[in-house]
Amino acid sequence: MKHFGFPPAAFIGWIRIARPGSILGPQQQYLNNMDQRMLDLGGTESRRRLMAMVNKNKMDSSEVVQANAA
């Protein structure tokens, strides 16, 4: 989360798909609780870069319709 800027909810969702059973209730709460600390330890810039990449690569709904029609 710190080095790549993943928000806890996105990371938990990804890891549950990639490795089901890896994150259980207490671990999920721990990751949510650690988010601010990870940002304070240098994750803010990583999160900013990640969100910029995500927003740059988003398609609007007309682009999705065009891509699906092709």
PDB file of N, CA and C in Angstrom:
ATOM      1  N   MET A   1       0.826  -1.182   0.000  1.00  0.00           N
ATOM      2  CA  MET A   1       0.000   0.000   0.000  1.00  0.00           C
ATOM      3  C   MET A   1       0.869   1.243   0.000  1.00  0.00           C
ATOM      4  N   LYS A   2       1.937   1.208   0.748  1.00  0.00           N
ATOM      5  CA  LYS A   2       2.796   2.390   0.850  1.00  0.00           C
ATOM      6  C   LYS A   2       3.553   2.637  -0.449  1.00  0.00           C
ATOM      7  N   HIS A   3       4.198   1.621  -0.984  1.00  0.00           N
ATOM      8  CA  HIS A   3       5.079   1.819  -2.133  1.00  0.00           C
ATOM      9  C   HIS A   3       4.326   2.026  -3.443  1.00  0.00           C
ATOM     10  N   PHE A   4       3.141   1.438  -3.574  1.00  0.00           N
ATOM     11  CA  PHE A   4       2.396   1.565  -4.819  1.00  0.00           C
ATOM     12  C   PHE A   4       1.191   2.485  -4.703  1.00  0.00           C
ATOM     13  N   GLY A   5       0.862   2.924  -3.494  1.00  0.00           N
ATOM     14  CA  GLY A   5      -0.203   3.899  -3.298  1.00  0.00           C
ATOM     15  C   GLY A   5      -1.608   3.329  -3.293  1.00  0.00           C
ATOM     16  N   PHE A   6      -1.753   2.017  -3.187  1.00  0.00           N
ATOM     17  CA  PHE A   6      -3.081   1.419  -3.177  1.00  0.00           C
ATOM     18  C   PHE A   6      -3.858   1.837  -1.940  1.00  0.00           C
ATOM     19  N   PRO A   7      -5.103   2.283  -2.107  1.00  0.00           N
ATOM     20  CA  PRO A   7      -5.962   2.497  -0.940  1.00  0.00           C
ATOM     21  C   PRO A   7      -6.333   1.129  -0.350  1.00  0.00           C
ATOM     22  N   PRO A   8      -6.621   1.044   0.931  1.00  0.00           N
ATOM     23  CA  PRO A   8      -6.893  -0.249   1.555  1.00  0.00           C
ATOM     24  C   PRO A   8      -8.037  -1.021   0.898  1.00  0.00           C
ATOM     25  N   ALA A   9      -9.133  -0.351   0.562  1.00  0.00           N
ATOM     26  CA  ALA A   9     -10.280  -1.061  -0.023  1.00  0.00           C
ATOM     27  C   ALA A   9      -9.916  -1.694  -1.368  1.00  0.00           C
ATOM     28  N   ALA A  10      -9.163  -0.979  -2.189  1.00  0.00           N
ATOM     29  CA  ALA A  10      -8.746  -1.523  -3.490  1.00  0.00           C
ATOM     30  C   ALA A  10      -7.808  -2.701  -3.307  1.00  0.00           C
ATOM     31  N   PHE A  11      -6.876  -2.588  -2.372  1.00  0.00           N
ATOM     32  CA  PHE A  11      -5.947  -3.690  -2.123  1.00  0.00           C
ATOM     33  C   PHE A  11      -6.681  -4.917  -1.595  1.00  0.00           C
ATOM     34  N   ILE A  12      -7.596  -4.709  -0.665  1.00  0.00           N
ATOM     35  CA  ILE A  12      -8.349  -5.831  -0.095  1.00  0.00           C
ATOM     36  C   ILE A  12      -9.175  -6.506  -1.185  1.00  0.00           C
ATOM     37  N   GLY A  13      -9.812  -5.730  -2.041  1.00  0.00           N
ATOM     38  CA  GLY A  13     -10.574  -6.305  -3.155  1.00  0.00           C
ATOM     39  C   GLY A  13      -9.690  -7.115  -4.085  1.00  0.00           C
ATOM     40  N   TRP A  14      -8.533  -6.568  -4.434  1.00  0.00           N
ATOM     41  CA  TRP A  14      -7.616  -7.273  -5.333  1.00  0.00           C
ATOM     42  C   TRP A  14      -7.109  -8.572  -4.703  1.00  0.00           C
ATOM     43  N   ILE A  15      -6.688  -8.512  -3.451  1.00  0.00           N
ATOM     44  CA  ILE A  15      -6.111  -9.695  -2.817  1.00  0.00           C
ATOM     45  C   ILE A  15      -7.170 -10.766  -2.604  1.00  0.00           C
ATOM     46  N   ARG A  16      -8.424 -10.371  -2.391  1.00  0.00           N
ATOM     47  CA  ARG A  16      -9.492 -11.362  -2.247  1.00  0.00           C
ATOM     48  C   ARG A  16      -9.759 -12.093  -3.562  1.00  0.00           C
ATOM     49  N   ILE A  17      -9.529 -11.433  -4.679  1.00  0.00           N
ATOM     50  CA  ILE A  17      -9.665 -12.096  -5.977  1.00  0.00           C
ATOM     51  C   ILE A  17      -8.436 -12.957  -6.250  1.00  0.00           C
ATOM     52  N   ALA A  18      -7.256 -12.396  -6.013  1.00  0.00           N
ATOM     53  CA  ALA A  18      -6.006 -13.101  -6.326  1.00  0.00           C
ATOM     54  C   ALA A  18      -5.740 -14.276  -5.379  1.00  0.00           C
ATOM     55  N   ARG A  19      -6.015 -14.092  -4.102  1.00  0.00           N
ATOM     56  CA  ARG A  19      -5.753 -15.128  -3.100  1.00  0.00           C
ATOM     57  C   ARG A  19      -6.894 -15.181  -2.094  1.00  0.00           C
ATOM     58  N   PRO A  20      -7.998 -15.824  -2.470  1.00  0.00           N
ATOM     59  CA  PRO A  20      -9.153 -15.888  -1.567  1.00  0.00           C
ATOM     60  C   PRO A  20      -8.753 -16.433  -0.186  1.00  0.00           C
ATOM     61  N   GLY A  21      -9.298 -15.834   0.840  1.00  0.00           N
ATOM     62  CA  GLY A  21      -9.013 -16.254   2.200  1.00  0.00           C
ATOM     63  C   GLY A  21      -7.786 -15.602   2.809  1.00  0.00           C
ATOM     64  N   SER A  22      -7.075 -14.786   2.027  1.00  0.00           N
ATOM     65  CA  SER A  22      -5.845 -14.163   2.523  1.00  0.00           C
ATOM     66  C   SER A  22      -6.108 -13.062   3.542  1.00  0.00           C
ATOM     67  N   ILE A  23      -7.190 -12.327   3.368  1.00  0.00           N
ATOM     68  CA  ILE A  23      -7.505 -11.205   4.250  1.00  0.00           C
ATOM     69  C   ILE A  23      -8.809 -11.518   4.967  1.00  0.00           C
ATOM     70  N   LEU A  24      -8.728 -11.652   6.276  1.00  0.00           N
ATOM     71  CA  LEU A  24      -9.913 -11.899   7.093  1.00  0.00           C
ATOM     72  C   LEU A  24     -10.244 -10.634   7.876  1.00  0.00           C
ATOM     73  N   GLY A  25     -11.299 -10.644   8.654  1.00  0.00           N
ATOM     74  CA  GLY A  25     -11.781  -9.467   9.367  1.00  0.00           C
ATOM     75  C   GLY A  25     -10.723  -8.652  10.089  1.00  0.00           C
ATOM     76  N   PRO A  26      -9.942  -9.267  11.009  1.00  0.00           N
ATOM     77  CA  PRO A  26      -8.956  -8.473  11.748  1.00  0.00           C
ATOM     78  C   PRO A  26      -7.874  -7.873  10.850  1.00  0.00           C
ATOM     79  N   GLN A  27      -7.460  -8.620   9.822  1.00  0.00           N
ATOM     80  CA  GLN A  27      -6.436  -8.095   8.911  1.00  0.00           C
ATOM     81  C   GLN A  27      -6.992  -6.942   8.079  1.00  0.00           C
ATOM     82  N   GLN A  28      -8.248  -7.051   7.675  1.00  0.00           N
ATOM     83  CA  GLN A  28      -8.884  -5.978   6.918  1.00  0.00           C
ATOM     84  C   GLN A  28      -8.931  -4.707   7.761  1.00  0.00           C
ATOM     85  N   GLN A  29      -9.317  -4.841   9.012  1.00  0.00           N
ATOM     86  CA  GLN A  29      -9.380  -3.675   9.896  1.00  0.00           C
ATOM     87  C   GLN A  29      -7.990  -3.087  10.119  1.00  0.00           C
ATOM     88  N   TYR A  30      -6.993  -3.952  10.259  1.00  0.00           N
ATOM     89  CA  TYR A  30      -5.610  -3.489  10.443  1.00  0.00           C
ATOM     90  C   TYR A  30      -5.158  -2.658   9.240  1.00  0.00           C
ATOM     91  N   LEU A  31      -5.422  -3.144   8.026  1.00  0.00           N
ATOM     92  CA  LEU A  31      -5.020  -2.404   6.828  1.00  0.00           C
ATOM     93  C   LEU A  31      -5.716  -1.048   6.766  1.00  0.00           C
ATOM     94  N   ASN A  32      -7.002  -1.024   7.095  1.00  0.00           N
ATOM     95  CA  ASN A  32      -7.726   0.252   7.117  1.00  0.00           C
ATOM     96  C   ASN A  32      -7.143   1.198   8.163  1.00  0.00           C
ATOM     97  N   ASN A  33      -6.794   0.654   9.314  1.00  0.00           N
ATOM     98  CA  ASN A  33      -6.223   1.486  10.374  1.00  0.00           C
ATOM     99  C   ASN A  33      -4.826   2.002  10.013  1.00  0.00           C
ATOM    100  N   MET A  34      -4.070   1.260   9.226  1.00  0.00           N
ATOM    101  CA  MET A  34      -2.697   1.628   8.878  1.00  0.00           C
ATOM    102  C   MET A  34      -2.610   2.590   7.698  1.00  0.00           C
ATOM    103  N   ASP A  35      -3.714   2.841   7.026  1.00  0.00           N
ATOM    104  CA  ASP A  35      -3.671   3.658   5.812  1.00  0.00           C
ATOM    105  C   ASP A  35      -3.045   5.027   6.060  1.00  0.00           C
ATOM    106  N   GLN A  36      -3.517   5.752   7.047  1.00  0.00           N
ATOM    107  CA  GLN A  36      -2.979   7.094   7.301  1.00  0.00           C
ATOM    108  C   GLN A  36      -1.495   7.032   7.655  1.00  0.00           C
ATOM    109  N   ARG A  37      -1.102   6.021   8.410  1.00  0.00           N
ATOM    110  CA  ARG A  37       0.316   5.894   8.775  1.00  0.00           C
ATOM    111  C   ARG A  37       1.169   5.658   7.532  1.00  0.00           C
ATOM    112  N   MET A  38       0.693   4.820   6.616  1.00  0.00           N
ATOM    113  CA  MET A  38       1.442   4.556   5.384  1.00  0.00           C
ATOM    114  C   MET A  38       1.551   5.828   4.545  1.00  0.00           C
ATOM    115  N   LEU A  39       0.499   6.608   4.502  1.00  0.00           N
ATOM    116  CA  LEU A  39       0.559   7.882   3.770  1.00  0.00           C
ATOM    117  C   LEU A  39       1.577   8.818   4.410  1.00  0.00           C
ATOM    118  N   ASP A  40       1.583   8.858   5.730  1.00  0.00           N
ATOM    119  CA  ASP A  40       2.523   9.726   6.446  1.00  0.00           C
ATOM    120  C   ASP A  40       3.971   9.291   6.253  1.00  0.00           C
ATOM    121  N   LEU A  41       4.193   7.996   6.026  1.00  0.00           N
ATOM    122  CA  LEU A  41       5.551   7.473   5.858  1.00  0.00           C
ATOM    123  C   LEU A  41       6.041   7.536   4.413  1.00  0.00           C
ATOM    124  N   GLY A  42       5.323   8.226   3.563  1.00  0.00           N
ATOM    125  CA  GLY A  42       5.798   8.413   2.196  1.00  0.00           C
ATOM    126  C   GLY A  42       4.867   7.910   1.121  1.00  0.00           C
ATOM    127  N   GLY A  43       3.698   7.450   1.496  1.00  0.00           N
ATOM    128  CA  GLY A  43       2.775   6.910   0.516  1.00  0.00           C
ATOM    129  C   GLY A  43       1.922   7.935  -0.198  1.00  0.00           C
ATOM    130  N   THR A  44       1.931   9.174   0.270  1.00  0.00           N
ATOM    131  CA  THR A  44       1.085  10.205  -0.341  1.00  0.00           C
ATOM    132  C   THR A  44       1.439  10.417  -1.803  1.00  0.00           C
ATOM    133  N   GLU A  45       2.714  10.509  -2.107  1.00  0.00           N
ATOM    134  CA  GLU A  45       3.149  10.728  -3.494  1.00  0.00           C
ATOM    135  C   GLU A  45       2.820   9.516  -4.353  1.00  0.00           C
ATOM    136  N   SER A  46       2.998   8.321  -3.819  1.00  0.00           N
ATOM    137  CA  SER A  46       2.657   7.104  -4.567  1.00  0.00           C
ATOM    138  C   SER A  46       1.170   7.058  -4.882  1.00  0.00           C
ATOM    139  N   ARG A  47       0.339   7.405  -3.898  1.00  0.00           N
ATOM    140  CA  ARG A  47      -1.111   7.403  -4.118  1.00  0.00           C
ATOM    141  C   ARG A  47      -1.491   8.443  -5.158  1.00  0.00           C
ATOM    142  N   ARG A  48      -0.855   9.606  -5.113  1.00  0.00           N
ATOM    143  CA  ARG A  48      -1.148  10.656  -6.091  1.00  0.00           C
ATOM    144  C   ARG A  48      -0.814  10.184  -7.506  1.00  0.00           C
ATOM    145  N   ARG A  49       0.361   9.541  -7.663  1.00  0.00           N
ATOM    146  CA  ARG A  49       0.760   9.022  -8.981  1.00  0.00           C
ATOM    147  C   ARG A  49      -0.196   7.933  -9.465  1.00  0.00           C
ATOM    148  N   LEU A  50      -0.579   7.025  -8.564  1.00  0.00           N
ATOM    149  CA  LEU A  50      -1.497   5.949  -8.934  1.00  0.00           C
ATOM    150  C   LEU A  50      -2.837   6.514  -9.387  1.00  0.00           C
ATOM    151  N   MET A  51      -3.381   7.450  -8.623  1.00  0.00           N
ATOM    152  CA  MET A  51      -4.677   8.022  -8.988  1.00  0.00           C
ATOM    153  C   MET A  51      -4.593   8.802 -10.298  1.00  0.00           C
ATOM    154  N   ALA A  52      -3.463   9.446 -10.562  1.00  0.00           N
ATOM    155  CA  ALA A  52      -3.287  10.158 -11.832  1.00  0.00           C
ATOM    156  C   ALA A  52      -3.291   9.169 -12.986  1.00  0.00           C
ATOM    157  N   MET A  53      -2.620   8.030 -12.811  1.00  0.00           N
ATOM    158  CA  MET A  53      -2.610   7.003 -13.865  1.00  0.00           C
ATOM    159  C   MET A  53      -4.007   6.435 -14.077  1.00  0.00           C
ATOM    160  N   VAL A  54      -4.720   6.172 -12.992  1.00  0.00           N
ATOM    161  CA  VAL A  54      -6.074   5.627 -13.096  1.00  0.00           C
ATOM    162  C   VAL A  54      -6.980   6.615 -13.817  1.00  0.00           C
ATOM    163  N   ASN A  55      -6.924   7.868 -13.424  1.00  0.00           N
ATOM    164  CA  ASN A  55      -7.789   8.876 -14.046  1.00  0.00           C
ATOM    165  C   ASN A  55      -7.425   9.116 -15.500  1.00  0.00           C
ATOM    166  N   LYS A  56      -6.143   9.019 -15.837  1.00  0.00           N
ATOM    167  CA  LYS A  56      -5.710   9.211 -17.219  1.00  0.00           C
ATOM    168  C   LYS A  56      -6.231   8.096 -18.118  1.00  0.00           C
ATOM    169  N   ASN A  57      -6.338   6.893 -17.571  1.00  0.00           N
ATOM    170  CA  ASN A  57      -6.729   5.732 -18.367  1.00  0.00           C
ATOM    171  C   ASN A  57      -8.214   5.423 -18.328  1.00  0.00           C
ATOM    172  N   LYS A  58      -9.003   6.229 -17.623  1.00  0.00           N
ATOM    173  CA  LYS A  58     -10.444   5.993 -17.562  1.00  0.00           C
ATOM    174  C   LYS A  58     -11.088   6.340 -18.887  1.00  0.00           C
ATOM    175  N   MET A  59     -12.050   5.526 -19.263  1.00  0.00           N
ATOM    176  CA  MET A  59     -12.850   5.820 -20.446  1.00  0.00           C
ATOM    177  C   MET A  59     -14.171   6.412 -19.985  1.00  0.00           C
ATOM    178  N   ASP A  60     -14.684   7.372 -20.759  1.00  0.00           N
ATOM    179  CA  ASP A  60     -16.029   7.809 -20.431  1.00  0.00           C
ATOM    180  C   ASP A  60     -17.021   6.840 -21.075  1.00  0.00           C
ATOM    181  N   SER A  61     -18.289   6.962 -20.746  1.00  0.00           N
ATOM    182  CA  SER A  61     -19.267   5.970 -21.181  1.00  0.00           C
ATOM    183  C   SER A  61     -19.378   5.871 -22.701  1.00  0.00           C
ATOM    184  N   SER A  62     -19.204   6.984 -23.443  1.00  0.00           N
ATOM    185  CA  SER A  62     -19.278   6.917 -24.908  1.00  0.00           C
ATOM    186  C   SER A  62     -18.122   6.122 -25.494  1.00  0.00           C
ATOM    187  N   GLU A  63     -16.948   6.221 -24.878  1.00  0.00           N
ATOM    188  CA  GLU A  63     -15.798   5.434 -25.331  1.00  0.00           C
ATOM    189  C   GLU A  63     -16.017   3.949 -25.082  1.00  0.00           C
ATOM    190  N   VAL A  64     -16.653   3.610 -23.961  1.00  0.00           N
ATOM    191  CA  VAL A  64     -16.938   2.209 -23.648  1.00  0.00           C
ATOM    192  C   VAL A  64     -17.911   1.645 -24.675  1.00  0.00           C
ATOM    193  N   VAL A  65     -18.947   2.413 -25.015  1.00  0.00           N
ATOM    194  CA  VAL A  65     -19.935   1.962 -26.003  1.00  0.00           C
ATOM    195  C   VAL A  65     -19.255   1.758 -27.346  1.00  0.00           C
ATOM    196  N   GLN A  66     -18.392   2.690 -27.750  1.00  0.00           N
ATOM    197  CA  GLN A  66     -17.682   2.572 -29.022  1.00  0.00           C
ATOM    198  C   GLN A  66     -16.762   1.363 -29.031  1.00  0.00           C
ATOM    199  N   ALA A  67     -16.059   1.132 -27.926  1.00  0.00           N
ATOM    200  CA  ALA A  67     -15.143  -0.012 -27.843  1.00  0.00           C
ATOM    201  C   ALA A  67     -15.903  -1.324 -27.901  1.00  0.00           C
ATOM    202  N   ASN A  68     -17.073  -1.382 -27.273  1.00  0.00           N
ATOM    203  CA  ASN A  68     -17.863  -2.605 -27.286  1.00  0.00           C
ATOM    204  C   ASN A  68     -18.505  -2.854 -28.647  1.00  0.00           C
ATOM    205  N   ALA A  69     -18.780  -1.782 -29.393  1.00  0.00           N
ATOM    206  CA  ALA A  69     -19.389  -1.912 -30.712  1.00  0.00           C
ATOM    207  C   ALA A  69     -18.387  -2.378 -31.760  1.00  0.00           C
ATOM    208  N   ALA A  70     -17.111  -2.128 -31.538  1.00  0.00           N
ATOM    209  CA  ALA A  70     -16.082  -2.474 -32.527  1.00  0.00           C
ATOM    210  C   ALA A  70     -15.804  -3.953 -32.596  1.00  0.00           C
TER     211      ALA A  70
END
